[in-house]
Structure formats: structure tokens, C-alpha cells
Amino acid sequence: MLASYGVFHEHLAAGERKYSLTDVGRMLVTDDQGLSYAAYVLQHHQDALMRAWSLVHEAVGDPKREPFERANGESAYRYYLKQPEMNELMVKAMSGCQCPS
């Protein structure tokens, strides 16, 4: 499945199925500086954020309330303060967005 999304490249070698990382896959592996986009991908697929994505269009018509707050009843920062494991993942995600090699 990950090969169909471009994370791995599938190839045959001596009649055996082999896989290697693509450029996308390499971005999910921690580099020598300790950076990776893996936490960023995981953070953006948490239930609280997934609920908010479907409401982004409403922010155009009424920008007073962010989609996250509409979906979850409070701002993202307040929500994350109450969810230590989600907050830790968000912090790790933001620190990993520094252009890994």
C-alpha cells in the first residue's frame, strides 16, 4: 500500500519482490540531525485535526472562529494543553519541519 502512495519503490530482483525508499519515504526517516517529517504527518492525521479539515471552507465565510474550534469546541492551543500526548507530538512535529536532508 505504501508503494502505491510513493513512500516505497517496489521492484523485482532475481524474481524476488524488493522495496526501497523514495524521496518521500526518506523524509519520514530521522536524519543525522534528528529531524524527520514523520511526527508532522502523524500530527496532521489526529482525529481532532481531521474533524477540523472538513470545516476549513466555513472559515472563509466567517473567519471569527477557526475550524479547529468549530470542530472541537475550543482553540487548538487550549485543546493541546489538555492532551499531553497530542501536545508532545505537535511540538515534535513543529521541530521536525526544519528542512530535513
PDB file of N, CA and C in Angstrom:
ATOM      1  N   MET A   1       0.816  -1.186   0.000  1.00  0.00           N
ATOM      2  CA  MET A   1       0.000   0.000   0.000  1.00  0.00           C
ATOM      3  C   MET A   1       0.870   1.265   0.000  1.00  0.00           C
ATOM      4  N   LEU A   2       1.915   1.282   0.809  1.00  0.00           N
ATOM      5  CA  LEU A   2       2.773   2.465   0.852  1.00  0.00           C
ATOM      6  C   LEU A   2       3.503   2.684  -0.466  1.00  0.00           C
ATOM      7  N   ALA A   3       3.737   1.629  -1.203  1.00  0.00           N
ATOM      8  CA  ALA A   3       4.340   1.784  -2.528  1.00  0.00           C
ATOM      9  C   ALA A   3       3.375   2.518  -3.459  1.00  0.00           C
ATOM     10  N   SER A   4       2.091   2.243  -3.337  1.00  0.00           N
ATOM     11  CA  SER A   4       1.113   2.920  -4.203  1.00  0.00           C
ATOM     12  C   SER A   4       0.998   4.402  -3.877  1.00  0.00           C
ATOM     13  N   TYR A   5       1.405   4.795  -2.674  1.00  0.00           N
ATOM     14  CA  TYR A   5       1.397   6.208  -2.289  1.00  0.00           C
ATOM     15  C   TYR A   5       2.758   6.870  -2.484  1.00  0.00           C
ATOM     16  N   GLY A   6       3.704   6.149  -3.013  1.00  0.00           N
ATOM     17  CA  GLY A   6       5.006   6.728  -3.325  1.00  0.00           C
ATOM     18  C   GLY A   6       5.975   6.809  -2.161  1.00  0.00           C
ATOM     19  N   VAL A   7       5.717   6.088  -1.084  1.00  0.00           N
ATOM     20  CA  VAL A   7       6.634   6.085   0.057  1.00  0.00           C
ATOM     21  C   VAL A   7       7.768   5.096  -0.193  1.00  0.00           C
ATOM     22  N   PHE A   8       7.444   3.974  -0.824  1.00  0.00           N
ATOM     23  CA  PHE A   8       8.431   2.963  -1.198  1.00  0.00           C
ATOM     24  C   PHE A   8       8.386   2.751  -2.704  1.00  0.00           C
ATOM     25  N   HIS A   9       9.496   2.341  -3.256  1.00  0.00           N
ATOM     26  CA  HIS A   9       9.570   1.932  -4.655  1.00  0.00           C
ATOM     27  C   HIS A   9       9.639   0.405  -4.661  1.00  0.00           C
ATOM     28  N   GLU A  10       8.746  -0.221  -5.402  1.00  0.00           N
ATOM     29  CA  GLU A  10       8.720  -1.675  -5.490  1.00  0.00           C
ATOM     30  C   GLU A  10       9.422  -2.111  -6.770  1.00  0.00           C
ATOM     31  N   HIS A  11      10.300  -3.108  -6.673  1.00  0.00           N
ATOM     32  CA  HIS A  11      10.985  -3.616  -7.853  1.00  0.00           C
ATOM     33  C   HIS A  11      11.274  -5.099  -7.663  1.00  0.00           C
ATOM     34  N   LEU A  12      11.482  -5.778  -8.759  1.00  0.00           N
ATOM     35  CA  LEU A  12      11.818  -7.201  -8.718  1.00  0.00           C
ATOM     36  C   LEU A  12      13.313  -7.370  -8.920  1.00  0.00           C
ATOM     37  N   ALA A  13      13.910  -8.208  -8.086  1.00  0.00           N
ATOM     38  CA  ALA A  13      15.339  -8.503  -8.195  1.00  0.00           C
ATOM     39  C   ALA A  13      15.488 -10.018  -8.086  1.00  0.00           C
ATOM     40  N   ALA A  14      15.954 -10.624  -9.151  1.00  0.00           N
ATOM     41  CA  ALA A  14      16.135 -12.086  -9.202  1.00  0.00           C
ATOM     42  C   ALA A  14      14.831 -12.805  -8.838  1.00  0.00           C
ATOM     43  N   GLY A  15      13.722 -12.286  -9.372  1.00  0.00           N
ATOM     44  CA  GLY A  15      12.419 -12.894  -9.130  1.00  0.00           C
ATOM     45  C   GLY A  15      11.849 -12.648  -7.743  1.00  0.00           C
ATOM     46  N   GLU A  16      12.529 -11.835  -6.967  1.00  0.00           N
ATOM     47  CA  GLU A  16      12.078 -11.543  -5.605  1.00  0.00           C
ATOM     48  C   GLU A  16      11.621 -10.088  -5.517  1.00  0.00           C
ATOM     49  N   ARG A  17      10.514  -9.869  -4.840  1.00  0.00           N
ATOM     50  CA  ARG A  17       9.979  -8.517  -4.664  1.00  0.00           C
ATOM     51  C   ARG A  17      10.815  -7.770  -3.632  1.00  0.00           C
ATOM     52  N   LYS A  18      11.311  -6.588  -3.987  1.00  0.00           N
ATOM     53  CA  LYS A  18      12.142  -5.763  -3.097  1.00  0.00           C
ATOM     54  C   LYS A  18      11.530  -4.366  -3.006  1.00  0.00           C
ATOM     55  N   TYR A  19      11.858  -3.677  -1.947  1.00  0.00           N
ATOM     56  CA  TYR A  19      11.357  -2.314  -1.732  1.00  0.00           C
ATOM     57  C   TYR A  19      12.513  -1.412  -1.328  1.00  0.00           C
ATOM     58  N   SER A  20      12.438  -0.169  -1.757  1.00  0.00           N
ATOM     59  CA  SER A  20      13.414   0.832  -1.334  1.00  0.00           C
ATOM     60  C   SER A  20      12.669   2.136  -1.083  1.00  0.00           C
ATOM     61  N   LEU A  21      13.291   3.011  -0.325  1.00  0.00           N
ATOM     62  CA  LEU A  21      12.668   4.296  -0.015  1.00  0.00           C
ATOM     63  C   LEU A  21      12.698   5.233  -1.217  1.00  0.00           C
ATOM     64  N   THR A  22      11.622   5.964  -1.390  1.00  0.00           N
ATOM     65  CA  THR A  22      11.585   7.050  -2.369  1.00  0.00           C
ATOM     66  C   THR A  22      12.019   8.325  -1.645  1.00  0.00           C
ATOM     67  N   ASP A  23      12.046   9.445  -2.353  1.00  0.00           N
ATOM     68  CA  ASP A  23      12.350  10.727  -1.702  1.00  0.00           C
ATOM     69  C   ASP A  23      11.320  11.015  -0.607  1.00  0.00           C
ATOM     70  N   VAL A  24      10.050  10.690  -0.870  1.00  0.00           N
ATOM     71  CA  VAL A  24       9.002  10.885   0.138  1.00  0.00           C
ATOM     72  C   VAL A  24       9.293  10.026   1.365  1.00  0.00           C
ATOM     73  N   GLY A  25       9.613   8.774   1.157  1.00  0.00           N
ATOM     74  CA  GLY A  25       9.929   7.868   2.260  1.00  0.00           C
ATOM     75  C   GLY A  25      11.112   8.341   3.084  1.00  0.00           C
ATOM     76  N   ARG A  26      12.122   8.876   2.418  1.00  0.00           N
ATOM     77  CA  ARG A  26      13.307   9.370   3.131  1.00  0.00           C
ATOM     78  C   ARG A  26      12.972  10.543   4.044  1.00  0.00           C
ATOM     79  N   MET A  27      11.956  11.323   3.691  1.00  0.00           N
ATOM     80  CA  MET A  27      11.553  12.455   4.530  1.00  0.00           C
ATOM     81  C   MET A  27      10.940  11.982   5.852  1.00  0.00           C
ATOM     82  N   LEU A  28      10.499  10.728   5.912  1.00  0.00           N
ATOM     83  CA  LEU A  28       9.879  10.187   7.118  1.00  0.00           C
ATOM     84  C   LEU A  28      10.878   9.479   8.027  1.00  0.00           C
ATOM     85  N   VAL A  29      12.110   9.352   7.564  1.00  0.00           N
ATOM     86  CA  VAL A  29      13.174   8.718   8.338  1.00  0.00           C
ATOM     87  C   VAL A  29      13.969   9.814   9.048  1.00  0.00           C
ATOM     88  N   THR A  30      14.308   9.578  10.289  1.00  0.00           N
ATOM     89  CA  THR A  30      15.090  10.566  11.045  1.00  0.00           C
ATOM     90  C   THR A  30      16.478  10.695  10.433  1.00  0.00           C
ATOM     91  N   ASP A  31      16.871  11.948  10.151  1.00  0.00           N
ATOM     92  CA  ASP A  31      18.179  12.183   9.537  1.00  0.00           C
ATOM     93  C   ASP A  31      19.267  12.319  10.602  1.00  0.00           C
ATOM     94  N   ASP A  32      20.480  12.623  10.168  1.00  0.00           N
ATOM     95  CA  ASP A  32      21.609  12.699  11.101  1.00  0.00           C
ATOM     96  C   ASP A  32      21.514  13.879  12.061  1.00  0.00           C
ATOM     97  N   GLN A  33      20.609  14.825  11.798  1.00  0.00           N
ATOM     98  CA  GLN A  33      20.382  15.944  12.713  1.00  0.00           C
ATOM     99  C   GLN A  33      19.203  15.672  13.647  1.00  0.00           C
ATOM    100  N   GLY A  34      18.609  14.483  13.529  1.00  0.00           N
ATOM    101  CA  GLY A  34      17.478  14.111  14.366  1.00  0.00           C
ATOM    102  C   GLY A  34      16.146  14.636  13.862  1.00  0.00           C
ATOM    103  N   LEU A  35      16.108  15.100  12.590  1.00  0.00           N
ATOM    104  CA  LEU A  35      14.890  15.674  12.028  1.00  0.00           C
ATOM    105  C   LEU A  35      14.170  14.684  11.132  1.00  0.00           C
ATOM    106  N   SER A  36      12.845  14.800  11.111  1.00  0.00           N
ATOM    107  CA  SER A  36      12.008  13.937  10.289  1.00  0.00           C
ATOM    108  C   SER A  36      10.636  14.585  10.159  1.00  0.00           C
ATOM    109  N   TYR A  37       9.950  14.333   9.054  1.00  0.00           N
ATOM    110  CA  TYR A  37       8.581  14.800   8.881  1.00  0.00           C
ATOM    111  C   TYR A  37       7.564  13.785   9.393  1.00  0.00           C
ATOM    112  N   ALA A  38       7.999  12.671   9.947  1.00  0.00           N
ATOM    113  CA  ALA A  38       7.077  11.626  10.397  1.00  0.00           C
ATOM    114  C   ALA A  38       6.104  12.142  11.454  1.00  0.00           C
ATOM    115  N   ALA A  39       6.605  12.841  12.452  1.00  0.00           N
ATOM    116  CA  ALA A  39       5.725  13.364  13.502  1.00  0.00           C
ATOM    117  C   ALA A  39       4.741  14.373  12.928  1.00  0.00           C
ATOM    118  N   TYR A  40       5.166  15.156  11.943  1.00  0.00           N
ATOM    119  CA  TYR A  40       4.289  16.135  11.292  1.00  0.00           C
ATOM    120  C   TYR A  40       3.125  15.430  10.601  1.00  0.00           C
ATOM    121  N   VAL A  41       3.421  14.360   9.905  1.00  0.00           N
ATOM    122  CA  VAL A  41       2.378  13.590   9.216  1.00  0.00           C
ATOM    123  C   VAL A  41       1.421  12.988  10.237  1.00  0.00           C
ATOM    124  N   LEU A  42       1.948  12.387  11.291  1.00  0.00           N
ATOM    125  CA  LEU A  42       1.100  11.803  12.334  1.00  0.00           C
ATOM    126  C   LEU A  42       0.243  12.862  13.014  1.00  0.00           C
ATOM    127  N   GLN A  43       0.827  13.997  13.315  1.00  0.00           N
ATOM    128  CA  GLN A  43       0.100  15.067  14.000  1.00  0.00           C
ATOM    129  C   GLN A  43      -1.057  15.577  13.147  1.00  0.00           C
ATOM    130  N   HIS A  44      -0.842  15.706  11.870  1.00  0.00           N
ATOM    131  CA  HIS A  44      -1.896  16.222  10.995  1.00  0.00           C
ATOM    132  C   HIS A  44      -2.992  15.210  10.690  1.00  0.00           C
ATOM    133  N   HIS A  45      -2.840  13.992  11.166  1.00  0.00           N
ATOM    134  CA  HIS A  45      -3.878  12.985  10.962  1.00  0.00           C
ATOM    135  C   HIS A  45      -4.550  12.566  12.272  1.00  0.00           C
ATOM    136  N   GLN A  46      -4.359  13.350  13.322  1.00  0.00           N
ATOM    137  CA  GLN A  46      -5.062  13.094  14.576  1.00  0.00           C
ATOM    138  C   GLN A  46      -6.540  13.422  14.375  1.00  0.00           C
ATOM    139  N   ASP A  47      -7.401  12.742  15.113  1.00  0.00           N
ATOM    140  CA  ASP A  47      -8.845  12.919  14.965  1.00  0.00           C
ATOM    141  C   ASP A  47      -9.275  14.378  15.101  1.00  0.00           C
ATOM    142  N   ALA A  48      -8.731  15.091  16.076  1.00  0.00           N
ATOM    143  CA  ALA A  48      -9.133  16.477  16.305  1.00  0.00           C
ATOM    144  C   ALA A  48      -8.859  17.353  15.084  1.00  0.00           C
ATOM    145  N   LEU A  49      -7.733  17.149  14.438  1.00  0.00           N
ATOM    146  CA  LEU A  49      -7.424  17.927  13.233  1.00  0.00           C
ATOM    147  C   LEU A  49      -8.224  17.450  12.029  1.00  0.00           C
ATOM    148  N   MET A  50      -8.440  16.157  11.930  1.00  0.00           N
ATOM    149  CA  MET A  50      -9.224  15.632  10.809  1.00  0.00           C
ATOM    150  C   MET A  50     -10.651  16.189  10.854  1.00  0.00           C
ATOM    151  N   ARG A  51     -11.212  16.324  12.051  1.00  0.00           N
ATOM    152  CA  ARG A  51     -12.552  16.923  12.175  1.00  0.00           C
ATOM    153  C   ARG A  51     -12.551  18.370  11.686  1.00  0.00           C
ATOM    154  N   ALA A  52     -11.471  19.079  11.940  1.00  0.00           N
ATOM    155  CA  ALA A  52     -11.385  20.494  11.571  1.00  0.00           C
ATOM    156  C   ALA A  52     -11.237  20.699  10.066  1.00  0.00           C
ATOM    157  N   TRP A  53     -10.534  19.792   9.383  1.00  0.00           N
ATOM    158  CA  TRP A  53     -10.282  19.975   7.947  1.00  0.00           C
ATOM    159  C   TRP A  53     -11.579  20.125   7.158  1.00  0.00           C
ATOM    160  N   SER A  54     -12.607  19.393   7.541  1.00  0.00           N
ATOM    161  CA  SER A  54     -13.864  19.466   6.784  1.00  0.00           C
ATOM    162  C   SER A  54     -14.599  20.782   7.003  1.00  0.00           C
ATOM    163  N   LEU A  55     -14.127  21.609   7.917  1.00  0.00           N
ATOM    164  CA  LEU A  55     -14.766  22.896   8.202  1.00  0.00           C
ATOM    165  C   LEU A  55     -13.951  24.094   7.720  1.00  0.00           C
ATOM    166  N   VAL A  56     -12.866  23.856   7.060  1.00  0.00           N
ATOM    167  CA  VAL A  56     -11.994  24.956   6.609  1.00  0.00           C
ATOM    168  C   VAL A  56     -12.768  25.928   5.713  1.00  0.00           C
ATOM    169  N   HIS A  57     -13.627  25.411   4.854  1.00  0.00           N
ATOM    170  CA  HIS A  57     -14.385  26.289   3.947  1.00  0.00           C
ATOM    171  C   HIS A  57     -15.259  27.291   4.699  1.00  0.00           C
ATOM    172  N   GLU A  58     -15.724  26.943   5.904  1.00  0.00           N
ATOM    173  CA  GLU A  58     -16.554  27.852   6.689  1.00  0.00           C
ATOM    174  C   GLU A  58     -15.761  29.047   7.201  1.00  0.00           C
ATOM    175  N   ALA A  59     -14.474  28.894   7.374  1.00  0.00           N
ATOM    176  CA  ALA A  59     -13.630  29.988   7.850  1.00  0.00           C
ATOM    177  C   ALA A  59     -13.557  31.118   6.828  1.00  0.00           C
ATOM    178  N   VAL A  60     -13.759  30.789   5.564  1.00  0.00           N
ATOM    179  CA  VAL A  60     -13.751  31.823   4.522  1.00  0.00           C
ATOM    180  C   VAL A  60     -14.950  32.747   4.693  1.00  0.00           C
ATOM    181  N   GLY A  61     -16.103  32.147   4.962  1.00  0.00           N
ATOM    182  CA  GLY A  61     -17.323  32.945   5.142  1.00  0.00           C
ATOM    183  C   GLY A  61     -17.406  33.628   6.489  1.00  0.00           C
ATOM    184  N   ASP A  62     -16.847  33.019   7.510  1.00  0.00           N
ATOM    185  CA  ASP A  62     -16.874  33.568   8.865  1.00  0.00           C
ATOM    186  C   ASP A  62     -15.535  33.313   9.542  1.00  0.00           C
ATOM    187  N   PRO A  63     -14.569  34.214   9.346  1.00  0.00           N
ATOM    188  CA  PRO A  63     -13.218  33.996   9.876  1.00  0.00           C
ATOM    189  C   PRO A  63     -13.079  34.249  11.381  1.00  0.00           C
ATOM    190  N   LYS A  64     -14.169  34.565  12.076  1.00  0.00           N
ATOM    191  CA  LYS A  64     -14.074  34.871  13.503  1.00  0.00           C
ATOM    192  C   LYS A  64     -13.769  33.640  14.352  1.00  0.00           C
ATOM    193  N   ARG A  65     -14.120  32.470  13.841  1.00  0.00           N
ATOM    194  CA  ARG A  65     -13.907  31.232  14.602  1.00  0.00           C
ATOM    195  C   ARG A  65     -13.159  30.243  13.735  1.00  0.00           C
ATOM    196  N   GLU A  66     -12.003  29.800  14.221  1.00  0.00           N
ATOM    197  CA  GLU A  66     -11.179  28.882  13.439  1.00  0.00           C
ATOM    198  C   GLU A  66     -11.857  27.510  13.317  1.00  0.00           C
ATOM    199  N   PRO A  67     -11.568  26.790  12.244  1.00  0.00           N
ATOM    200  CA  PRO A  67     -12.171  25.472  12.039  1.00  0.00           C
ATOM    201  C   PRO A  67     -11.917  24.500  13.198  1.00  0.00           C
ATOM    202  N   PHE A  68     -10.732  24.550  13.791  1.00  0.00           N
ATOM    203  CA  PHE A  68     -10.437  23.651  14.907  1.00  0.00           C
ATOM    204  C   PHE A  68     -11.412  23.890  16.054  1.00  0.00           C
ATOM    205  N   GLU A  69     -11.665  25.149  16.359  1.00  0.00           N
ATOM    206  CA  GLU A  69     -12.582  25.485  17.454  1.00  0.00           C
ATOM    207  C   GLU A  69     -14.010  25.063  17.114  1.00  0.00           C
ATOM    208  N   ARG A  70     -14.417  25.249  15.888  1.00  0.00           N
ATOM    209  CA  ARG A  70     -15.749  24.813  15.465  1.00  0.00           C
ATOM    210  C   ARG A  70     -15.910  23.301  15.647  1.00  0.00           C
ATOM    211  N   ALA A  71     -14.885  22.569  15.307  1.00  0.00           N
ATOM    212  CA  ALA A  71     -14.955  21.104  15.353  1.00  0.00           C
ATOM    213  C   ALA A  71     -14.794  20.537  16.755  1.00  0.00           C
ATOM    214  N   ASN A  72     -14.005  21.218  17.600  1.00  0.00           N
ATOM    215  CA  ASN A  72     -13.638  20.636  18.886  1.00  0.00           C
ATOM    216  C   ASN A  72     -14.067  21.450  20.104  1.00  0.00           C
ATOM    217  N   GLY A  73     -14.713  22.590  19.878  1.00  0.00           N
ATOM    218  CA  GLY A  73     -15.257  23.373  20.983  1.00  0.00           C
ATOM    219  C   GLY A  73     -14.291  24.291  21.692  1.00  0.00           C
ATOM    220  N   GLU A  74     -13.040  24.310  21.284  1.00  0.00           N
ATOM    221  CA  GLU A  74     -12.045  25.208  21.874  1.00  0.00           C
ATOM    222  C   GLU A  74     -10.869  25.364  20.918  1.00  0.00           C
ATOM    223  N   SER A  75     -10.047  26.365  21.176  1.00  0.00           N
ATOM    224  CA  SER A  75      -8.906  26.608  20.294  1.00  0.00           C
ATOM    225  C   SER A  75      -7.943  25.430  20.335  1.00  0.00           C
ATOM    226  N   ALA A  76      -7.149  25.318  19.305  1.00  0.00           N
ATOM    227  CA  ALA A  76      -6.181  24.222  19.225  1.00  0.00           C
ATOM    228  C   ALA A  76      -5.200  24.268  20.397  1.00  0.00           C
ATOM    229  N   TYR A  77      -4.734  25.452  20.758  1.00  0.00           N
ATOM    230  CA  TYR A  77      -3.758  25.556  21.837  1.00  0.00           C
ATOM    231  C   TYR A  77      -4.345  25.127  23.176  1.00  0.00           C
ATOM    232  N   ARG A  78      -5.579  25.509  23.467  1.00  0.00           N
ATOM    233  CA  ARG A  78      -6.221  25.061  24.712  1.00  0.00           C
ATOM    234  C   ARG A  78      -6.439  23.554  24.692  1.00  0.00           C
ATOM    235  N   TYR A  79      -6.866  23.061  23.559  1.00  0.00           N
ATOM    236  CA  TYR A  79      -7.104  21.630  23.409  1.00  0.00           C
ATOM    237  C   TYR A  79      -5.824  20.834  23.650  1.00  0.00           C
ATOM    238  N   TYR A  80      -4.748  21.271  23.021  1.00  0.00           N
ATOM    239  CA  TYR A  80      -3.465  20.572  23.167  1.00  0.00           C
ATOM    240  C   TYR A  80      -2.925  20.647  24.592  1.00  0.00           C
ATOM    241  N   LEU A  81      -3.168  21.730  25.293  1.00  0.00           N
ATOM    242  CA  LEU A  81      -2.713  21.830  26.685  1.00  0.00           C
ATOM    243  C   LEU A  81      -3.360  20.772  27.566  1.00  0.00           C
ATOM    244  N   LYS A  82      -4.576  20.348  27.203  1.00  0.00           N
ATOM    245  CA  LYS A  82      -5.291  19.324  27.979  1.00  0.00           C
ATOM    246  C   LYS A  82      -4.953  17.905  27.531  1.00  0.00           C
ATOM    247  N   GLN A  83      -4.227  17.781  26.431  1.00  0.00           N
ATOM    248  CA  GLN A  83      -3.884  16.476  25.860  1.00  0.00           C
ATOM    249  C   GLN A  83      -2.365  16.361  25.770  1.00  0.00           C
ATOM    250  N   PRO A  84      -1.684  15.979  26.849  1.00  0.00           N
ATOM    251  CA  PRO A  84      -0.216  15.987  26.856  1.00  0.00           C
ATOM    252  C   PRO A  84       0.427  15.170  25.733  1.00  0.00           C
ATOM    253  N   GLU A  85      -0.122  14.010  25.403  1.00  0.00           N
ATOM    254  CA  GLU A  85       0.491  13.199  24.342  1.00  0.00           C
ATOM    255  C   GLU A  85       0.316  13.856  22.972  1.00  0.00           C
ATOM    256  N   MET A  86      -0.821  14.500  22.748  1.00  0.00           N
ATOM    257  CA  MET A  86      -1.020  15.215  21.484  1.00  0.00           C
ATOM    258  C   MET A  86      -0.124  16.449  21.425  1.00  0.00           C
ATOM    259  N   ASN A  87       0.012  17.129  22.547  1.00  0.00           N
ATOM    260  CA  ASN A  87       0.864  18.313  22.604  1.00  0.00           C
ATOM    261  C   ASN A  87       2.323  17.941  22.333  1.00  0.00           C
ATOM    262  N   GLU A  88       2.763  16.837  22.917  1.00  0.00           N
ATOM    263  CA  GLU A  88       4.139  16.385  22.696  1.00  0.00           C
ATOM    264  C   GLU A  88       4.386  16.074  21.216  1.00  0.00           C
ATOM    265  N   LEU A  89       3.399  15.434  20.590  1.00  0.00           N
ATOM    266  CA  LEU A  89       3.529  15.133  19.165  1.00  0.00           C
ATOM    267  C   LEU A  89       3.561  16.410  18.335  1.00  0.00           C
ATOM    268  N   MET A  90       2.727  17.402  18.701  1.00  0.00           N
ATOM    269  CA  MET A  90       2.718  18.670  17.965  1.00  0.00           C
ATOM    270  C   MET A  90       4.073  19.368  18.082  1.00  0.00           C
ATOM    271  N   VAL A  91       4.637  19.398  19.279  1.00  0.00           N
ATOM    272  CA  VAL A  91       5.948  20.038  19.486  1.00  0.00           C
ATOM    273  C   VAL A  91       7.006  19.317  18.657  1.00  0.00           C
ATOM    274  N   LYS A  92       6.971  17.996  18.682  1.00  0.00           N
ATOM    275  CA  LYS A  92       7.935  17.213  17.901  1.00  0.00           C
ATOM    276  C   LYS A  92       7.730  17.454  16.402  1.00  0.00           C
ATOM    277  N   ALA A  93       6.479  17.554  15.983  1.00  0.00           N
ATOM    278  CA  ALA A  93       6.176  17.808  14.573  1.00  0.00           C
ATOM    279  C   ALA A  93       6.723  19.159  14.121  1.00  0.00           C
ATOM    280  N   MET A  94       6.523  20.173  14.944  1.00  0.00           N
ATOM    281  CA  MET A  94       6.991  21.502  14.576  1.00  0.00           C
ATOM    282  C   MET A  94       8.511  21.588  14.558  1.00  0.00           C
ATOM    283  N   SER A  95       9.179  20.865  15.446  1.00  0.00           N
ATOM    284  CA  SER A  95      10.642  20.898  15.457  1.00  0.00           C
ATOM    285  C   SER A  95      11.223  20.082  14.301  1.00  0.00           C
ATOM    286  N   GLY A  96      10.475  19.121  13.783  1.00  0.00           N
ATOM    287  CA  GLY A  96      10.955  18.307  12.681  1.00  0.00           C
ATOM    288  C   GLY A  96      10.755  18.933  11.324  1.00  0.00           C
ATOM    289  N   CYS A  97      10.109  20.099  11.286  1.00  0.00           N
ATOM    290  CA  CYS A  97       9.823  20.771   9.993  1.00  0.00           C
ATOM    291  C   CYS A  97      10.945  21.679   9.539  1.00  0.00           C
ATOM    292  N   GLN A  98      12.135  21.471  10.010  1.00  0.00           N
ATOM    293  CA  GLN A  98      13.257  22.336   9.676  1.00  0.00           C
ATOM    294  C   GLN A  98      14.073  21.775   8.513  1.00  0.00           C
ATOM    295  N   CYS A  99      13.429  21.495   7.419  1.00  0.00           N
ATOM    296  CA  CYS A  99      14.088  21.043   6.206  1.00  0.00           C
ATOM    297  C   CYS A  99      15.054  19.876   6.443  1.00  0.00           C
ATOM    298  N   PRO A 100      14.524  18.707   6.780  1.00  0.00           N
ATOM    299  CA  PRO A 100      15.447  17.563   6.924  1.00  0.00           C
ATOM    300  C   PRO A 100      16.157  17.270   5.615  1.00  0.00           C
ATOM    301  N   SER A 101      17.333  16.699   5.710  1.00  0.00           N
ATOM    302  CA  SER A 101      18.091  16.414   4.486  1.00  0.00           C
ATOM    303  C   SER A 101      17.662  15.101   3.881  1.00  0.00           C
TER     304      SER A 101
END
